[in-house]
């Protein structure tokens, strides 16, 4: 898995490519914790490159949502593919995350 980010004021756009699994969640958590310590409140997660998410990956997404909320922030997911959407449905998390098809729409929803 590869995690990249771009900071824009109080919003961080985080791109996740590959599998978000137990072996890789620490990288995402470190990236998010750094962003929060620097004042980021809101996160836009570009997940169109995310190919799979396991239970640890789902837990890390829920952790991110809670961490953002503790700082009065929110998260948005951008472009989850059909496989990721199905995983959210199976785990009954499909309503837990706001999803958008475009980054600009996700950012607009945070303002």
C-alpha atoms as a PDB file:
ATOM      1  CA  UNK A   1       0.000   0.000   0.000  1.00  0.00           C
ATOM      2  CA  UNK A   2       1.122   3.529  -0.738  1.00  0.00           C
ATOM      3  CA  UNK A   3      -0.161   6.626   1.078  1.00  0.00           C
ATOM      4  CA  UNK A   4       0.345  10.131  -0.294  1.00  0.00           C
ATOM      5  CA  UNK A   5      -1.086  13.392   0.948  1.00  0.00           C
ATOM      6  CA  UNK A   6      -1.576  17.020   0.017  1.00  0.00           C
ATOM      7  CA  UNK A   7      -2.432  19.604   2.667  1.00  0.00           C
ATOM      8  CA  UNK A   8      -4.765  22.484   1.844  1.00  0.00           C
ATOM      9  CA  UNK A   9      -5.296  24.681   4.900  1.00  0.00           C
ATOM     10  CA  UNK A  10      -7.400  22.579   7.314  1.00  0.00           C
ATOM     11  CA  UNK A  11      -8.104  19.843   4.743  1.00  0.00           C
ATOM     12  CA  UNK A  12      -5.754  17.007   3.865  1.00  0.00           C
ATOM     13  CA  UNK A  13      -6.265  14.963   0.722  1.00  0.00           C
ATOM     14  CA  UNK A  14      -4.922  11.465   1.357  1.00  0.00           C
ATOM     15  CA  UNK A  15      -4.522   9.008  -1.518  1.00  0.00           C
ATOM     16  CA  UNK A  16      -4.515   5.298  -0.712  1.00  0.00           C
ATOM     17  CA  UNK A  17      -3.243   2.920  -3.381  1.00  0.00           C
ATOM     18  CA  UNK A  18      -3.233  -0.842  -2.923  1.00  0.00           C
ATOM     19  CA  UNK A  19      -4.575  -2.982  -0.099  1.00  0.00           C
ATOM     20  CA  UNK A  20      -5.478  -1.381   3.231  1.00  0.00           C
ATOM     21  CA  UNK A  21      -4.746  -4.362   5.462  1.00  0.00           C
ATOM     22  CA  UNK A  22      -3.318  -5.168   8.871  1.00  0.00           C
ATOM     23  CA  UNK A  23       0.201  -4.973   7.466  1.00  0.00           C
ATOM     24  CA  UNK A  24      -0.299  -1.398   6.240  1.00  0.00           C
ATOM     25  CA  UNK A  25      -2.609   0.456   8.634  1.00  0.00           C
ATOM     26  CA  UNK A  26       0.249   1.937  10.669  1.00  0.00           C
ATOM     27  CA  UNK A  27       1.346   4.003   7.676  1.00  0.00           C
ATOM     28  CA  UNK A  28      -2.121   5.529   7.330  1.00  0.00           C
ATOM     29  CA  UNK A  29      -2.411   6.185  11.068  1.00  0.00           C
ATOM     30  CA  UNK A  30       1.000   7.889  11.182  1.00  0.00           C
ATOM     31  CA  UNK A  31       0.127  10.093   8.225  1.00  0.00           C
ATOM     32  CA  UNK A  32      -3.180  11.114   9.792  1.00  0.00           C
ATOM     33  CA  UNK A  33      -1.705  11.701  13.259  1.00  0.00           C
ATOM     34  CA  UNK A  34       0.956  13.979  11.730  1.00  0.00           C
ATOM     35  CA  UNK A  35      -1.664  15.927   9.824  1.00  0.00           C
ATOM     36  CA  UNK A  36      -3.841  16.352  12.932  1.00  0.00           C
ATOM     37  CA  UNK A  37      -0.880  17.513  15.022  1.00  0.00           C
ATOM     38  CA  UNK A  38      -0.303  20.227  12.400  1.00  0.00           C
ATOM     39  CA  UNK A  39      -3.884  21.476  12.585  1.00  0.00           C
ATOM     40  CA  UNK A  40      -5.672  19.476   9.905  1.00  0.00           C
ATOM     41  CA  UNK A  41      -9.299  18.815  10.786  1.00  0.00           C
ATOM     42  CA  UNK A  42     -10.878  17.377   7.654  1.00  0.00           C
ATOM     43  CA  UNK A  43      -9.720  14.517   5.449  1.00  0.00           C
ATOM     44  CA  UNK A  44     -10.613  13.597   1.891  1.00  0.00           C
ATOM     45  CA  UNK A  45      -9.553  10.015   1.205  1.00  0.00           C
ATOM     46  CA  UNK A  46      -9.013   9.198  -2.440  1.00  0.00           C
ATOM     47  CA  UNK A  47      -9.643   5.464  -2.448  1.00  0.00           C
ATOM     48  CA  UNK A  48     -10.093   4.742  -6.152  1.00  0.00           C
ATOM     49  CA  UNK A  49      -6.676   3.052  -6.048  1.00  0.00           C
ATOM     50  CA  UNK A  50      -7.550   0.999  -2.965  1.00  0.00           C
ATOM     51  CA  UNK A  51      -7.997  -2.579  -4.124  1.00  0.00           C
ATOM     52  CA  UNK A  52      -8.968  -4.320  -0.871  1.00  0.00           C
ATOM     53  CA  UNK A  53      -9.678  -3.506   2.760  1.00  0.00           C
ATOM     54  CA  UNK A  54      -9.661  -6.033   5.619  1.00  0.00           C
ATOM     55  CA  UNK A  55     -11.050  -5.692   9.152  1.00  0.00           C
ATOM     56  CA  UNK A  56      -7.932  -3.863  10.380  1.00  0.00           C
ATOM     57  CA  UNK A  57      -8.245  -1.460   7.453  1.00  0.00           C
ATOM     58  CA  UNK A  58     -11.900  -0.834   8.275  1.00  0.00           C
ATOM     59  CA  UNK A  59     -10.950  -0.221  11.904  1.00  0.00           C
ATOM     60  CA  UNK A  60      -8.340   2.309  10.784  1.00  0.00           C
ATOM     61  CA  UNK A  61     -10.955   4.159   8.701  1.00  0.00           C
ATOM     62  CA  UNK A  62     -13.281   4.260  11.708  1.00  0.00           C
ATOM     63  CA  UNK A  63     -10.361   5.435  13.872  1.00  0.00           C
ATOM     64  CA  UNK A  64      -9.656   8.193  11.370  1.00  0.00           C
ATOM     65  CA  UNK A  65     -13.279   9.257  11.478  1.00  0.00           C
ATOM     66  CA  UNK A  66     -13.185   9.423  15.293  1.00  0.00           C
ATOM     67  CA  UNK A  67      -9.827  11.225  15.348  1.00  0.00           C
ATOM     68  CA  UNK A  68     -11.116  13.868  12.929  1.00  0.00           C
ATOM     69  CA  UNK A  69     -14.346  14.258  14.918  1.00  0.00           C
ATOM     70  CA  UNK A  70     -12.364  14.841  18.131  1.00  0.00           C
ATOM     71  CA  UNK A  71     -10.915  17.908  16.379  1.00  0.00           C
ATOM     72  CA  UNK A  72     -14.326  18.949  14.989  1.00  0.00           C
ATOM     73  CA  UNK A  73     -13.437  17.530  11.590  1.00  0.00           C
ATOM     74  CA  UNK A  74     -14.907  15.050   9.150  1.00  0.00           C
ATOM     75  CA  UNK A  75     -13.794  12.592   6.493  1.00  0.00           C
ATOM     76  CA  UNK A  76     -15.017  11.967   2.981  1.00  0.00           C
ATOM     77  CA  UNK A  77     -14.232   9.033   0.709  1.00  0.00           C
ATOM     78  CA  UNK A  78     -13.733   9.615  -3.004  1.00  0.00           C
ATOM     79  CA  UNK A  79     -14.455   7.047  -5.697  1.00  0.00           C
ATOM     80  CA  UNK A  80     -14.545   3.710  -3.872  1.00  0.00           C
ATOM     81  CA  UNK A  81     -14.787   0.959  -6.466  1.00  0.00           C
ATOM     82  CA  UNK A  82     -17.533  -1.662  -6.522  1.00  0.00           C
ATOM     83  CA  UNK A  83     -15.429  -4.148  -4.491  1.00  0.00           C
ATOM     84  CA  UNK A  84     -14.851  -1.628  -1.683  1.00  0.00           C
ATOM     85  CA  UNK A  85     -18.528  -0.588  -1.719  1.00  0.00           C
ATOM     86  CA  UNK A  86     -19.531  -4.249  -1.410  1.00  0.00           C
ATOM     87  CA  UNK A  87     -17.199  -4.690   1.594  1.00  0.00           C
ATOM     88  CA  UNK A  88     -18.835  -1.665   3.242  1.00  0.00           C
ATOM     89  CA  UNK A  89     -22.281  -3.185   2.579  1.00  0.00           C
ATOM     90  CA  UNK A  90     -21.318  -6.609   3.939  1.00  0.00           C
ATOM     91  CA  UNK A  91     -19.930  -5.016   7.117  1.00  0.00           C
ATOM     92  CA  UNK A  92     -22.903  -2.618   7.300  1.00  0.00           C
ATOM     93  CA  UNK A  93     -20.632   0.435   7.122  1.00  0.00           C
ATOM     94  CA  UNK A  94     -22.037   1.825   3.867  1.00  0.00           C
ATOM     95  CA  UNK A  95     -23.843   4.633   5.724  1.00  0.00           C
ATOM     96  CA  UNK A  96     -20.923   5.342   8.050  1.00  0.00           C
ATOM     97  CA  UNK A  97     -18.900   7.191   5.415  1.00  0.00           C
ATOM     98  CA  UNK A  98     -19.914  10.008   3.088  1.00  0.00           C
ATOM     99  CA  UNK A  99     -18.727   9.157  -0.399  1.00  0.00           C
ATOM    100  CA  UNK A 100     -18.270  11.312  -3.485  1.00  0.00           C
ATOM    101  CA  UNK A 101     -17.214  10.641  -7.047  1.00  0.00           C
ATOM    102  CA  UNK A 102     -14.924  13.695  -7.335  1.00  0.00           C
ATOM    103  CA  UNK A 103     -12.410  15.295  -4.964  1.00  0.00           C
ATOM    104  CA  UNK A 104     -13.869  18.741  -5.648  1.00  0.00           C
ATOM    105  CA  UNK A 105     -17.324  17.559  -4.550  1.00  0.00           C
ATOM    106  CA  UNK A 106     -15.879  16.071  -1.366  1.00  0.00           C
ATOM    107  CA  UNK A 107     -14.011  19.284  -0.533  1.00  0.00           C
ATOM    108  CA  UNK A 108     -17.084  21.390  -1.263  1.00  0.00           C
ATOM    109  CA  UNK A 109     -19.125  19.242   1.143  1.00  0.00           C
ATOM    110  CA  UNK A 110     -16.678  20.060   3.952  1.00  0.00           C
ATOM    111  CA  UNK A 111     -17.014  23.845   3.650  1.00  0.00           C
END
